[in-house]
Amino acid sequence: MLLDRFLPRIEFDSYEDFKANYKVNVPENFNFGFDIVDEWAKQEPEKKALVWCDDHDETHTFTFTDISRLSNKAANYFKSLGIKKGSVVMMILRRRWEYWICATALHKIGATVIPATLQLSKKDIVYRGNRANVCCFICINDDYVAQQVELSESEIPTLRHKIVVGTEREGWRFFEKEIEPFSDVFERPTGDDATRWDDIMLVYFTSGTTGMPKPVQHNFAHPLGHIVTAKYWQMVQENKLHMSVSDSGWAKFGWGKIYGQWICGATIFCYDMDKFIPAKLLEKISEYKVTTFCAPPTMFRFMLQEDVEKYDLSSIKNCCIAGEPLNPQVFNDWYKLTGLKLREGFGQSEGTVLIANFQWLEPSAGSTGKPAPLYDIKLINDDGEECKPGEEGTIIVNDVKSAPPVGLFTGYFNDPEMSAKVLGGAYYDTGDMAVKDENGCYWFMGRNDDVIKSSGYRIGPFEVESAVLEHPAAVECAITGVPDPIRGQVIKATIVLAKGYEPSDALTKEIQDHVKKATAPYKYPRVVEYVDELPKTFSGKIKRKEIHQKDVERMSEKS
């Protein structure tokens, strides 16, 4: 086991013991590629690292020895292209197995990796490429993705190389073919070429729900922050399959598909699906006997539309959700069908898991759980004072300047001014709202900017969304505010209907009456719109601002 190299103590008697006494040792020259991947390969050469499959009957199983050897070849190849410590490489690889090889290789070199999602347009790519001085793109040979990069390259002066995986493409270097002649031995760099724990390893561009996406930077110690994510929240088991559903372009991939899981010795299971089809996902979980599973609440909602009981999910020992708050109805329905209580966790691209239902806590429907160790989490009100139990406030991470927690971001890439503005004070403001109860459990309310002010009331969208989703007709819902001359704003529900339901005035009244009974009557949606799908960010979060803005524009056109 590698954990005892970094944790003075691994087992804890209670949450309180865990919160007070969990510590992590960060070696000065910690490097995930050498100290985790290569070390597992040395200790247990046949230990499985990755089990991968897709929708086209392609399967691969990699041991840590395989990952070590292939990443060494890739590292030697990348170095031959002039990629070195501090070089910036963007990877758009969906869930391809090459991601793990390339990321490990680039970590060994000391390059900075930018994971990116498939939906990026030319504008997005040019912005990111120039914002971060990208020198190389490594992409899946998807016609849209590759074409957007090709359209962008003349506008990114720092770009030198384009590498493609999967199949060959004219004008691109083909990864599998290119690395073949290179040595599978790569010595750990020394001197100025060696990495330190505080060098920049990873940059995530945030979803950009407000303004242009910001480049959140993490150092080489960041993977050690995810031990808490993997071991004590997801509860991964050594040599057992863990599955987190995520595209490699999302921070959630780092949360659930590489760092903490491999440090704990778990085997990553990846299903590279062309499109999310709930029945197929359930089939894969059943077929491969996944032990621990994490997915966004939306996926659980859609899986619950299937006949869940016909799939053998008995191998699953723990289920987690993150990305959006967990609606109580989903929690209750999943528990009834599987006997598993979904463990909600909260965090951002800026850190590891911040608040969660850790292994000692009994999950409650709708509760986000309690703060992770190493983070001093507090709720503050509009006056900057700490909230009392039951009082809504903003989630902050305290003492980020004097004692920055392992796993928290270190600023914004190439932007010291913005970094100082956000992290130079007494605390980091997450911009997310919550309530803490008498037992110290947090209940997520929504983004600060999403809170609706109607007739003097402050209404968080999550509570109303949860009430709507209790109705069997609703499979997804976004609650927003619509301008109103009398009330300031009124509540609007934008709803995706479940199978077998059609929009009607009668259904609208039924849903409205249901919400009046499920929560305070003044919170019911006075406006209801039915849509085929909700707009979402690249990371899968509902874009409530986009819905709100379109409503404002429609009303302006009418007036």
Protein backbone atom coordinates (compact mmCIF):
# COMPACT_ATOMS: atom_id res chain seq x y z
CA MET A 1 0.00 0.00 0.00
CA LEU A 2 1.25 3.47 -0.93
CA LEU A 3 -1.04 5.42 1.38
CA ASP A 4 1.21 5.00 4.40
CA ARG A 5 3.89 6.98 2.55
CA PHE A 6 1.67 10.05 2.61
CA LEU A 7 -0.72 9.55 5.55
CA PRO A 8 0.68 9.30 9.09
CA ARG A 9 -2.66 7.70 9.98
CA ILE A 10 -5.10 5.95 7.64
CA GLU A 11 -7.94 4.60 9.80
CA PHE A 12 -10.19 6.76 11.99
CA ASP A 13 -12.83 5.93 14.59
CA SER A 14 -15.38 8.62 13.71
CA TYR A 15 -15.97 11.65 11.54
CA GLU A 16 -14.83 13.87 14.41
CA ASP A 17 -11.59 11.87 14.71
CA PHE A 18 -11.11 12.09 10.94
CA LYS A 19 -11.72 15.86 10.79
CA ALA A 20 -9.40 16.62 13.69
CA ASN A 21 -6.52 14.23 13.01
CA TYR A 22 -6.28 13.58 9.26
CA LYS A 23 -2.95 14.79 7.90
CA VAL A 24 -1.11 14.36 4.61
CA ASN A 25 2.65 14.52 4.09
CA VAL A 26 3.68 16.14 0.81
CA PRO A 27 7.18 15.18 -0.37
CA GLU A 28 9.04 18.17 -1.79
CA ASN A 29 9.49 16.53 -5.20
CA PHE A 30 6.20 14.60 -5.34
CA ASN A 31 5.30 13.60 -8.89
CA PHE A 32 2.23 11.46 -9.57
CA GLY A 33 3.82 9.71 -12.56
CA PHE A 34 6.89 8.48 -10.71
CA ASP A 35 5.65 8.21 -7.11
CA ILE A 36 2.32 6.52 -7.82
CA VAL A 37 2.21 4.91 -11.28
CA ASP A 38 5.83 3.74 -11.41
CA GLU A 39 5.84 2.80 -7.74
CA TRP A 40 2.82 0.53 -8.10
CA ALA A 41 4.50 -1.04 -11.15
CA LYS A 42 7.57 -1.80 -9.01
CA GLN A 43 5.64 -3.13 -6.01
CA GLU A 44 2.98 -5.14 -7.87
CA PRO A 45 3.84 -5.54 -11.57
CA GLU A 46 0.54 -7.27 -12.45
CA LYS A 47 -1.71 -4.88 -10.52
CA LYS A 48 -4.57 -3.67 -12.75
CA ALA A 49 -4.78 0.07 -13.28
CA LEU A 50 -7.42 0.53 -15.98
CA VAL A 51 -10.19 -1.56 -17.53
CA TRP A 52 -11.54 0.21 -20.61
CA CYS A 53 -14.34 -0.48 -23.11
CA ASP A 54 -16.43 1.43 -25.63
CA ASP A 55 -19.57 1.06 -27.76
CA HIS A 56 -17.67 -0.58 -30.63
CA ASP A 57 -16.56 -3.80 -28.90
CA GLU A 58 -13.06 -2.44 -28.28
CA THR A 59 -11.67 -3.36 -24.87
CA HIS A 60 -8.31 -2.87 -23.15
CA THR A 61 -6.94 -3.81 -19.75
CA PHE A 62 -3.80 -2.07 -18.52
CA THR A 63 -1.64 -2.92 -15.53
CA PHE A 64 0.39 -0.25 -13.77
CA THR A 65 3.39 -1.79 -15.53
CA ASP A 66 1.68 -1.12 -18.87
CA ILE A 67 0.88 2.47 -17.92
CA SER A 68 4.44 3.00 -16.68
CA ARG A 69 6.03 1.58 -19.82
CA LEU A 70 3.74 3.34 -22.30
CA SER A 71 3.96 6.66 -20.47
CA ASN A 72 7.76 6.42 -20.58
CA LYS A 73 7.65 5.94 -24.36
CA ALA A 74 5.25 8.86 -24.63
CA ALA A 75 7.44 11.04 -22.38
CA ASN A 76 10.49 10.36 -24.54
CA TYR A 77 8.44 11.14 -27.64
CA PHE A 78 7.06 14.39 -26.21
CA LYS A 79 10.57 15.47 -25.22
CA SER A 80 11.74 14.87 -28.80
CA LEU A 81 9.13 17.45 -29.87
CA GLY A 82 10.59 20.01 -27.48
CA ILE A 83 7.90 19.59 -24.80
CA LYS A 84 9.57 20.15 -21.43
CA LYS A 85 8.92 21.26 -17.88
CA GLY A 86 6.52 24.20 -17.99
CA SER A 87 5.28 23.51 -21.54
CA VAL A 88 1.48 23.71 -21.83
CA VAL A 89 -0.39 20.88 -23.55
CA MET A 90 -4.16 20.75 -24.12
CA MET A 91 -5.82 17.34 -24.36
CA ILE A 92 -9.27 16.80 -25.89
CA LEU A 93 -9.65 13.04 -25.59
CA ARG A 94 -13.18 12.33 -24.31
CA ARG A 95 -12.69 9.06 -22.38
CA ARG A 96 -10.07 7.48 -24.63
CA TRP A 97 -7.56 5.19 -22.87
CA GLU A 98 -4.72 7.29 -24.27
CA TYR A 99 -5.62 10.04 -21.79
CA TRP A 100 -4.11 8.10 -18.89
CA ILE A 101 -0.93 7.39 -20.86
CA CYS A 102 -0.47 10.98 -22.04
CA ALA A 103 -1.33 12.60 -18.70
CA THR A 104 1.11 10.36 -16.82
CA ALA A 105 3.84 11.08 -19.39
CA LEU A 106 3.31 14.84 -19.24
CA HIS A 107 3.32 14.77 -15.43
CA LYS A 108 6.67 12.96 -15.52
CA ILE A 109 8.12 15.62 -17.82
CA GLY A 110 6.73 18.44 -15.66
CA ALA A 111 4.52 19.89 -18.38
CA THR A 112 1.25 21.64 -17.56
CA VAL A 113 -1.83 19.71 -18.71
CA ILE A 114 -5.10 21.37 -19.74
CA PRO A 115 -7.94 18.84 -20.05
CA ALA A 116 -10.67 20.09 -22.38
CA THR A 117 -14.07 18.89 -23.48
CA LEU A 118 -15.31 17.85 -26.93
CA GLN A 119 -17.84 20.67 -27.27
CA LEU A 120 -15.28 23.45 -27.63
CA SER A 121 -15.73 25.61 -30.73
CA LYS A 122 -13.01 27.47 -32.61
CA LYS A 123 -13.65 30.56 -30.47
CA ASP A 124 -13.25 28.52 -27.26
CA ILE A 125 -10.06 26.86 -28.49
CA VAL A 126 -8.44 30.11 -29.65
CA TYR A 127 -9.27 31.76 -26.33
CA ARG A 128 -7.81 28.91 -24.27
CA GLY A 129 -4.83 28.43 -26.56
CA ASN A 130 -3.76 32.05 -26.27
CA ARG A 131 -4.78 32.50 -22.64
CA ALA A 132 -2.44 29.64 -21.63
CA ASN A 133 0.20 29.71 -24.42
CA VAL A 134 -0.60 26.15 -25.54
CA CYS A 135 2.20 24.52 -27.57
CA CYS A 136 0.54 21.19 -28.38
CA PHE A 137 -2.92 19.70 -28.83
CA ILE A 138 -3.59 16.00 -28.30
CA CYS A 139 -7.05 15.16 -29.64
CA ILE A 140 -9.37 12.32 -30.47
CA ASN A 141 -9.93 11.95 -34.22
CA ASP A 142 -13.46 13.27 -34.06
CA ASP A 143 -14.39 15.30 -37.13
CA TYR A 144 -15.78 18.19 -35.12
CA VAL A 145 -12.96 18.39 -32.56
CA ALA A 146 -10.11 18.03 -35.05
CA GLN A 147 -11.71 20.50 -37.44
CA GLN A 148 -12.13 23.14 -34.73
CA VAL A 149 -8.44 22.80 -33.83
CA GLU A 150 -7.46 23.03 -37.50
CA LEU A 151 -9.55 26.21 -37.89
CA SER A 152 -7.89 27.64 -34.77
CA GLU A 153 -4.21 26.87 -35.29
CA SER A 154 -3.33 29.94 -37.39
CA GLU A 155 -4.62 32.15 -34.55
CA ILE A 156 -2.56 30.49 -31.80
CA PRO A 157 1.06 31.63 -32.31
CA THR A 158 2.50 29.32 -29.63
CA LEU A 159 1.04 26.13 -31.19
CA ARG A 160 3.72 23.81 -32.59
CA HIS A 161 2.24 20.31 -32.69
CA LYS A 162 -1.06 18.50 -33.30
CA ILE A 163 -1.28 14.86 -32.18
CA VAL A 164 -4.27 12.61 -32.83
CA VAL A 165 -5.36 9.35 -31.19
CA GLY A 166 -7.73 6.60 -32.34
CA THR A 167 -7.16 6.77 -36.10
CA GLU A 168 -4.78 8.64 -38.39
CA ARG A 169 -5.61 12.07 -39.81
CA GLU A 170 -3.86 14.04 -42.50
CA GLY A 171 -1.72 16.86 -41.12
CA TRP A 172 -1.62 15.36 -37.62
CA ARG A 173 0.90 13.13 -35.84
CA PHE A 174 -0.62 9.71 -34.98
CA PHE A 175 0.11 8.97 -31.32
CA GLU A 176 0.31 5.17 -31.33
CA LYS A 177 2.57 5.09 -34.36
CA GLU A 178 4.77 7.98 -33.24
CA ILE A 179 5.65 6.62 -29.77
CA GLU A 180 6.48 3.11 -30.99
CA PRO A 181 10.23 3.59 -31.69
CA PHE A 182 10.92 5.38 -28.40
CA SER A 183 12.47 3.78 -25.33
CA ASP A 184 10.23 2.57 -22.52
CA VAL A 185 12.77 3.81 -19.97
CA PHE A 186 12.45 7.41 -18.80
CA GLU A 187 14.71 8.53 -16.00
CA ARG A 188 13.33 10.88 -13.40
CA PRO A 189 14.51 14.42 -14.25
CA THR A 190 16.97 16.08 -11.89
CA GLY A 191 18.17 19.61 -11.22
CA ASP A 192 16.20 22.37 -12.91
CA ASP A 193 14.20 19.81 -14.90
CA ALA A 194 12.83 18.11 -11.76
CA THR A 195 9.36 19.01 -10.52
CA ARG A 196 8.56 20.40 -7.09
CA TRP A 197 5.23 19.97 -5.33
CA ASP A 198 4.41 23.65 -5.94
CA ASP A 199 5.04 23.66 -9.71
CA ILE A 200 1.92 23.93 -11.90
CA MET A 201 0.70 20.50 -13.03
CA LEU A 202 -2.88 21.03 -14.15
CA VAL A 203 -5.15 23.82 -15.39
CA TYR A 204 -8.94 23.58 -15.66
CA PHE A 205 -10.88 26.27 -17.46
CA THR A 206 -14.02 26.81 -15.39
CA SER A 207 -17.41 26.39 -16.98
CA GLY A 208 -17.79 30.09 -17.58
CA THR A 209 -21.40 30.58 -16.45
CA THR A 210 -20.40 34.21 -15.84
CA GLY A 211 -17.86 35.94 -18.08
CA MET A 212 -15.06 34.18 -19.89
CA PRO A 213 -13.82 30.86 -18.43
CA LYS A 214 -11.04 31.28 -15.87
CA PRO A 215 -7.91 29.06 -15.88
CA VAL A 216 -7.82 27.42 -12.45
CA GLN A 217 -4.32 26.12 -11.68
CA HIS A 218 -3.31 23.17 -9.48
CA ASN A 219 0.17 22.19 -8.35
CA PHE A 220 1.87 18.78 -8.29
CA ALA A 221 0.61 18.15 -4.74
CA HIS A 222 -3.01 18.30 -5.96
CA PRO A 223 -3.40 14.50 -6.48
CA LEU A 224 -2.63 13.94 -2.78
CA GLY A 225 -5.62 16.14 -1.92
CA HIS A 226 -7.82 13.61 -3.70
CA ILE A 227 -7.00 10.81 -1.24
CA VAL A 228 -9.93 12.15 0.80
CA THR A 229 -12.15 12.18 -2.31
CA ALA A 230 -11.39 8.58 -3.22
CA LYS A 231 -10.87 6.73 0.06
CA TYR A 232 -13.18 8.40 2.54
CA TRP A 233 -16.07 9.59 0.32
CA GLN A 234 -16.15 7.34 -2.76
CA MET A 235 -14.75 4.56 -0.54
CA VAL A 236 -12.82 2.89 -3.36
CA GLN A 237 -11.35 -0.53 -2.62
CA GLU A 238 -7.90 -1.70 -3.60
CA ASN A 239 -7.91 -3.93 -6.70
CA LYS A 240 -11.67 -3.39 -7.15
CA LEU A 241 -13.33 -1.48 -10.00
CA HIS A 242 -14.28 2.14 -9.46
CA MET A 243 -16.37 4.00 -12.04
CA SER A 244 -16.93 7.75 -12.18
CA VAL A 245 -18.91 8.90 -15.20
CA SER A 246 -17.06 11.85 -16.68
CA ASP A 247 -15.51 13.18 -19.86
CA SER A 248 -11.76 13.76 -19.43
CA GLY A 249 -12.31 17.48 -20.02
CA TRP A 250 -14.06 17.94 -16.69
CA ALA A 251 -12.47 18.43 -13.27
CA LYS A 252 -14.66 15.52 -12.15
CA PHE A 253 -12.39 13.24 -14.19
CA GLY A 254 -9.54 14.25 -11.89
CA TRP A 255 -11.84 13.67 -8.93
CA GLY A 256 -12.88 10.18 -9.92
CA LYS A 257 -10.88 8.61 -12.72
CA ILE A 258 -7.19 8.89 -11.98
CA TYR A 259 -5.55 10.57 -8.97
CA GLY A 260 -7.02 9.54 -5.63
CA GLN A 261 -8.20 6.20 -7.02
CA TRP A 262 -4.74 5.14 -8.22
CA ILE A 263 -3.08 6.39 -5.04
CA CYS A 264 -5.46 4.06 -3.16
CA GLY A 265 -4.67 1.15 -5.51
CA ALA A 266 -8.16 0.90 -7.02
CA THR A 267 -8.72 -0.11 -10.66
CA ILE A 268 -10.39 2.49 -12.85
CA PHE A 269 -13.27 1.22 -14.97
CA CYS A 270 -14.01 3.41 -17.99
CA TYR A 271 -16.89 3.02 -20.39
CA ASP A 272 -16.22 5.34 -23.34
CA MET A 273 -19.82 5.79 -24.42
CA ASP A 274 -20.70 7.59 -27.65
CA LYS A 275 -23.88 8.85 -26.04
CA PHE A 276 -25.38 8.44 -22.59
CA ILE A 277 -28.00 5.69 -22.84
CA PRO A 278 -29.16 4.76 -19.32
CA ALA A 279 -29.83 1.09 -20.13
CA LYS A 280 -26.34 0.63 -21.61
CA LEU A 281 -24.69 2.18 -18.59
CA LEU A 282 -26.62 -0.13 -16.28
CA GLU A 283 -25.58 -3.08 -18.44
CA LYS A 284 -21.89 -2.19 -18.15
CA ILE A 285 -22.05 -1.76 -14.38
CA SER A 286 -23.70 -5.18 -14.13
CA GLU A 287 -21.40 -6.90 -16.63
CA TYR A 288 -18.10 -5.67 -15.18
CA LYS A 289 -19.16 -5.90 -11.51
CA VAL A 290 -18.30 -2.33 -10.55
CA THR A 291 -17.69 -1.96 -6.79
CA THR A 292 -17.89 1.82 -6.30
CA PHE A 293 -19.78 4.21 -8.57
CA CYS A 294 -20.06 7.98 -8.92
CA ALA A 295 -22.19 9.96 -11.40
CA PRO A 296 -24.08 13.27 -11.65
CA PRO A 297 -27.65 13.31 -10.27
CA THR A 298 -29.02 13.73 -13.80
CA MET A 299 -27.73 10.28 -14.75
CA PHE A 300 -29.38 8.69 -11.75
CA ARG A 301 -32.64 10.42 -12.68
CA PHE A 302 -32.52 8.95 -16.19
CA MET A 303 -31.42 5.50 -14.98
CA LEU A 304 -34.45 5.50 -12.70
CA GLN A 305 -36.61 5.76 -15.83
CA GLU A 306 -35.39 2.25 -16.71
CA ASP A 307 -36.36 -1.06 -15.13
CA VAL A 308 -33.46 -0.91 -12.66
CA GLU A 309 -34.43 -4.15 -10.91
CA LYS A 310 -33.66 -6.26 -13.97
CA TYR A 311 -29.93 -5.37 -13.71
CA ASP A 312 -27.63 -7.08 -11.23
CA LEU A 313 -26.15 -4.20 -9.27
CA SER A 314 -25.24 -6.33 -6.25
CA SER A 315 -21.51 -5.72 -6.78
CA ILE A 316 -21.88 -2.02 -5.90
CA LYS A 317 -20.93 -1.23 -2.33
CA ASN A 318 -21.07 2.57 -2.48
CA CYS A 319 -22.69 5.18 -4.76
CA CYS A 320 -21.79 8.87 -4.84
CA ILE A 321 -23.08 11.91 -6.65
CA ALA A 322 -21.49 15.27 -7.44
CA GLY A 323 -21.78 18.06 -9.97
CA GLU A 324 -25.27 19.21 -8.98
CA PRO A 325 -27.25 18.90 -5.74
CA LEU A 326 -29.07 15.64 -5.10
CA ASN A 327 -32.86 15.86 -5.12
CA PRO A 328 -34.44 13.87 -2.28
CA GLN A 329 -36.78 12.05 -4.66
CA VAL A 330 -33.81 10.57 -6.54
CA PHE A 331 -32.18 9.58 -3.24
CA ASN A 332 -35.33 7.84 -2.03
CA ASP A 333 -36.13 6.07 -5.31
CA TRP A 334 -32.57 4.74 -5.75
CA TYR A 335 -32.51 3.51 -2.15
CA LYS A 336 -35.82 1.67 -2.57
CA LEU A 337 -34.60 -0.11 -5.70
CA THR A 338 -30.99 -0.89 -4.72
CA GLY A 339 -30.69 -0.56 -0.95
CA LEU A 340 -27.90 1.99 -1.54
CA LYS A 341 -27.97 5.48 -0.07
CA LEU A 342 -26.41 8.00 -2.43
CA ARG A 343 -23.56 9.91 -0.80
CA GLU A 344 -23.63 13.48 -1.99
CA GLY A 345 -20.41 15.49 -2.20
CA PHE A 346 -19.72 19.13 -2.99
CA GLY A 347 -16.71 20.78 -4.57
CA GLN A 348 -15.51 22.81 -7.51
CA SER A 349 -12.84 22.80 -10.21
CA GLU A 350 -10.91 24.89 -7.70
CA GLY A 351 -10.41 22.04 -5.25
CA THR A 352 -10.99 18.48 -4.15
CA VAL A 353 -14.13 17.40 -2.31
CA LEU A 354 -14.98 20.19 0.18
CA ILE A 355 -18.10 18.82 1.86
CA ALA A 356 -19.41 15.26 1.67
CA ASN A 357 -21.24 12.39 3.28
CA PHE A 358 -18.10 10.60 4.42
CA GLN A 359 -18.01 6.94 5.40
CA TRP A 360 -18.90 7.52 9.08
CA LEU A 361 -21.98 9.61 8.25
CA GLU A 362 -25.45 8.26 7.56
CA PRO A 363 -26.56 10.00 4.34
CA SER A 364 -29.82 11.95 4.47
CA ALA A 365 -31.90 12.86 1.44
CA GLY A 366 -30.79 16.31 0.31
CA SER A 367 -27.90 16.75 2.76
CA THR A 368 -24.45 17.50 1.37
CA GLY A 369 -22.76 16.18 4.52
CA LYS A 370 -19.90 17.69 6.53
CA PRO A 371 -16.61 19.47 5.70
CA ALA A 372 -13.55 17.56 4.55
CA PRO A 373 -10.43 17.64 6.71
CA LEU A 374 -7.66 20.08 5.77
CA TYR A 375 -10.34 22.59 4.75
CA ASP A 376 -11.63 25.11 7.30
CA ILE A 377 -15.15 25.50 5.89
CA LYS A 378 -17.51 28.16 7.19
CA LEU A 379 -20.80 29.84 6.22
CA ILE A 380 -20.94 33.62 6.31
CA ASN A 381 -23.87 36.00 5.86
CA ASP A 382 -24.02 39.28 3.91
CA ASP A 383 -22.37 41.09 6.84
CA GLY A 384 -19.39 38.75 6.81
CA GLU A 385 -20.42 37.12 10.08
CA GLU A 386 -20.53 33.36 10.60
CA CYS A 387 -24.05 32.01 10.15
CA LYS A 388 -26.09 30.48 12.92
CA PRO A 389 -27.70 27.04 12.39
CA GLY A 390 -30.57 27.39 9.93
CA GLU A 391 -29.27 30.67 8.49
CA GLU A 392 -28.45 30.73 4.79
CA GLY A 393 -24.94 31.85 3.90
CA THR A 394 -22.04 31.65 1.47
CA ILE A 395 -19.63 28.72 1.69
CA ILE A 396 -16.06 29.91 2.27
CA VAL A 397 -12.70 28.20 2.78
CA ASN A 398 -10.92 29.94 5.62
CA ASP A 399 -7.17 30.57 6.12
CA VAL A 400 -6.23 30.10 2.46
CA LYS A 401 -3.42 32.66 2.67
CA SER A 402 -1.70 31.53 5.88
CA ALA A 403 -2.29 27.79 5.47
CA PRO A 404 -3.44 26.83 1.93
CA PRO A 405 -4.98 23.34 2.04
CA VAL A 406 -3.51 20.49 -0.02
CA GLY A 407 -5.77 20.11 -3.06
CA LEU A 408 -7.05 23.69 -3.26
CA PHE A 409 -6.17 25.66 -6.37
CA THR A 410 -3.23 28.05 -6.14
CA GLY A 411 -4.58 30.79 -8.35
CA TYR A 412 -5.38 31.55 -11.98
CA PHE A 413 -2.82 30.59 -14.60
CA ASN A 414 -0.69 33.52 -15.82
CA ASP A 415 -2.84 35.97 -13.84
CA PRO A 416 -1.22 36.97 -10.52
CA GLU A 417 -3.53 39.97 -10.13
CA MET A 418 -6.71 37.89 -10.24
CA SER A 419 -5.05 35.21 -8.09
CA ALA A 420 -4.24 37.77 -5.40
CA LYS A 421 -7.76 39.17 -5.54
CA VAL A 422 -9.39 35.77 -4.96
CA LEU A 423 -6.84 34.09 -2.67
CA GLY A 424 -4.98 37.02 -1.14
CA GLY A 425 -7.47 37.66 1.64
CA ALA A 426 -8.52 35.77 4.73
CA TYR A 427 -10.70 33.28 2.85
CA TYR A 428 -11.75 31.89 -0.53
CA ASP A 429 -15.38 32.66 -1.40
CA THR A 430 -16.86 29.71 -3.33
CA GLY A 431 -19.92 31.69 -4.43
CA ASP A 432 -22.17 28.81 -3.38
CA MET A 433 -24.97 29.06 -0.82
CA ALA A 434 -25.88 26.58 1.90
CA VAL A 435 -27.53 26.16 5.28
CA LYS A 436 -25.96 24.31 8.19
CA ASP A 437 -28.23 22.44 10.61
CA GLU A 438 -27.85 21.88 14.36
CA ASN A 439 -25.86 18.68 13.71
CA GLY A 440 -23.26 20.42 11.55
CA CYS A 441 -24.57 19.01 8.26
CA TYR A 442 -24.69 21.30 5.23
CA TRP A 443 -27.66 21.62 2.88
CA PHE A 444 -26.83 23.12 -0.49
CA MET A 445 -29.03 25.97 -1.72
CA GLY A 446 -27.48 26.93 -5.08
CA ARG A 447 -25.09 29.43 -6.62
CA ASN A 448 -25.26 32.88 -5.07
CA ASP A 449 -26.13 34.31 -8.50
CA ASP A 450 -28.97 31.78 -8.92
CA VAL A 451 -30.91 32.90 -5.83
CA ILE A 452 -34.29 34.41 -6.82
CA LYS A 453 -35.75 37.44 -5.06
CA SER A 454 -39.55 37.46 -5.23
CA SER A 455 -41.92 39.62 -3.15
CA GLY A 456 -39.17 40.14 -0.57
CA TYR A 457 -38.34 36.44 -0.29
CA ARG A 458 -34.97 34.91 -1.17
CA ILE A 459 -35.62 31.57 -2.88
CA GLY A 460 -32.90 29.06 -3.73
CA PRO A 461 -33.65 27.12 -6.94
CA PHE A 462 -32.63 23.74 -5.57
CA GLU A 463 -35.46 23.41 -3.04
CA VAL A 464 -38.12 24.17 -5.67
CA GLU A 465 -36.45 21.89 -8.23
CA SER A 466 -36.53 19.08 -5.68
CA ALA A 467 -40.24 19.66 -5.11
CA VAL A 468 -40.97 19.59 -8.86
CA LEU A 469 -38.92 16.42 -9.31
CA GLU A 470 -41.02 14.61 -6.71
CA HIS A 471 -43.76 14.61 -9.35
CA PRO A 472 -43.45 11.54 -11.59
CA ALA A 473 -43.88 13.62 -14.77
CA ALA A 474 -40.62 15.55 -14.27
CA VAL A 475 -37.25 13.98 -15.02
CA GLU A 476 -35.24 17.23 -15.10
CA CYS A 477 -36.05 20.74 -13.94
CA ALA A 478 -34.43 24.17 -13.82
CA ILE A 479 -35.88 26.86 -11.58
CA THR A 480 -35.24 30.48 -12.55
CA GLY A 481 -36.70 33.90 -11.95
CA VAL A 482 -38.80 35.74 -14.55
CA PRO A 483 -39.05 39.56 -14.26
CA ASP A 484 -42.40 40.68 -12.83
CA PRO A 485 -43.55 44.32 -12.36
CA ILE A 486 -45.24 43.61 -9.02
CA ARG A 487 -43.17 40.87 -7.36
CA GLY A 488 -39.79 41.75 -8.87
CA GLN A 489 -39.46 38.17 -10.07
CA VAL A 490 -41.72 35.15 -10.19
CA ILE A 491 -40.64 31.52 -10.17
CA LYS A 492 -40.38 29.70 -13.48
CA ALA A 493 -39.93 25.94 -13.93
CA THR A 494 -38.36 24.68 -17.15
CA ILE A 495 -39.13 20.96 -17.23
CA VAL A 496 -38.02 17.90 -19.19
CA LEU A 497 -40.86 15.38 -19.02
CA ALA A 498 -40.51 11.69 -18.24
CA LYS A 499 -41.53 8.99 -20.69
CA GLY A 500 -45.29 8.79 -21.25
CA TYR A 501 -46.10 12.41 -20.33
CA GLU A 502 -47.16 15.22 -22.66
CA PRO A 503 -47.38 18.97 -21.93
CA SER A 504 -50.86 20.24 -21.00
CA ASP A 505 -52.52 22.91 -18.90
CA ALA A 506 -53.88 20.18 -16.64
CA LEU A 507 -50.37 18.78 -16.04
CA THR A 508 -49.02 22.26 -15.32
CA LYS A 509 -51.69 22.87 -12.67
CA GLU A 510 -51.03 19.44 -11.20
CA ILE A 511 -47.31 20.18 -10.86
CA GLN A 512 -47.99 23.64 -9.41
CA ASP A 513 -50.41 22.21 -6.82
CA HIS A 514 -47.88 19.53 -5.95
CA VAL A 515 -45.14 22.11 -5.28
CA LYS A 516 -47.49 24.16 -3.10
CA LYS A 517 -47.92 21.11 -0.88
CA ALA A 518 -44.27 19.97 -0.98
CA THR A 519 -42.76 23.32 0.04
CA ALA A 520 -43.85 26.81 1.07
CA PRO A 521 -46.74 27.80 -1.22
CA TYR A 522 -45.13 31.11 -2.25
CA LYS A 523 -42.33 29.11 -3.92
CA TYR A 524 -44.53 27.42 -6.50
CA PRO A 525 -43.67 28.08 -10.19
CA ARG A 526 -46.15 30.55 -11.63
CA VAL A 527 -44.62 29.99 -15.08
CA VAL A 528 -43.96 26.50 -16.49
CA GLU A 529 -42.24 25.67 -19.77
CA TYR A 530 -41.68 22.18 -21.20
CA VAL A 531 -38.50 21.49 -23.20
CA ASP A 532 -36.76 18.48 -24.72
CA GLU A 533 -33.50 19.24 -22.91
CA LEU A 534 -31.98 21.80 -20.57
CA PRO A 535 -28.96 23.92 -21.54
CA LYS A 536 -25.86 22.77 -19.65
CA THR A 537 -22.27 23.84 -19.25
CA PHE A 538 -19.41 21.70 -20.58
CA SER A 539 -19.23 20.11 -17.14
CA GLY A 540 -22.91 19.13 -17.18
CA LYS A 541 -24.33 21.80 -14.87
CA ILE A 542 -27.66 23.45 -15.73
CA LYS A 543 -27.19 26.91 -17.25
CA ARG A 544 -29.94 28.72 -15.36
CA LYS A 545 -28.52 32.08 -16.40
CA GLU A 546 -29.02 31.22 -20.06
CA ILE A 547 -32.67 30.31 -19.45
CA HIS A 548 -33.18 33.52 -17.46
CA GLN A 549 -31.49 35.69 -20.10
CA LYS A 550 -33.63 34.27 -22.91
CA ASP A 551 -36.77 35.00 -20.90
CA VAL A 552 -35.60 38.59 -20.29
CA GLU A 553 -34.90 39.03 -24.02
CA ARG A 554 -38.33 37.63 -24.98
CA MET A 555 -40.06 40.00 -22.58
CA SER A 556 -38.07 42.96 -23.94
CA GLU A 557 -39.15 42.13 -27.48
CA LYS A 558 -42.81 42.08 -26.42
CA SER A 559 -42.68 45.40 -24.57
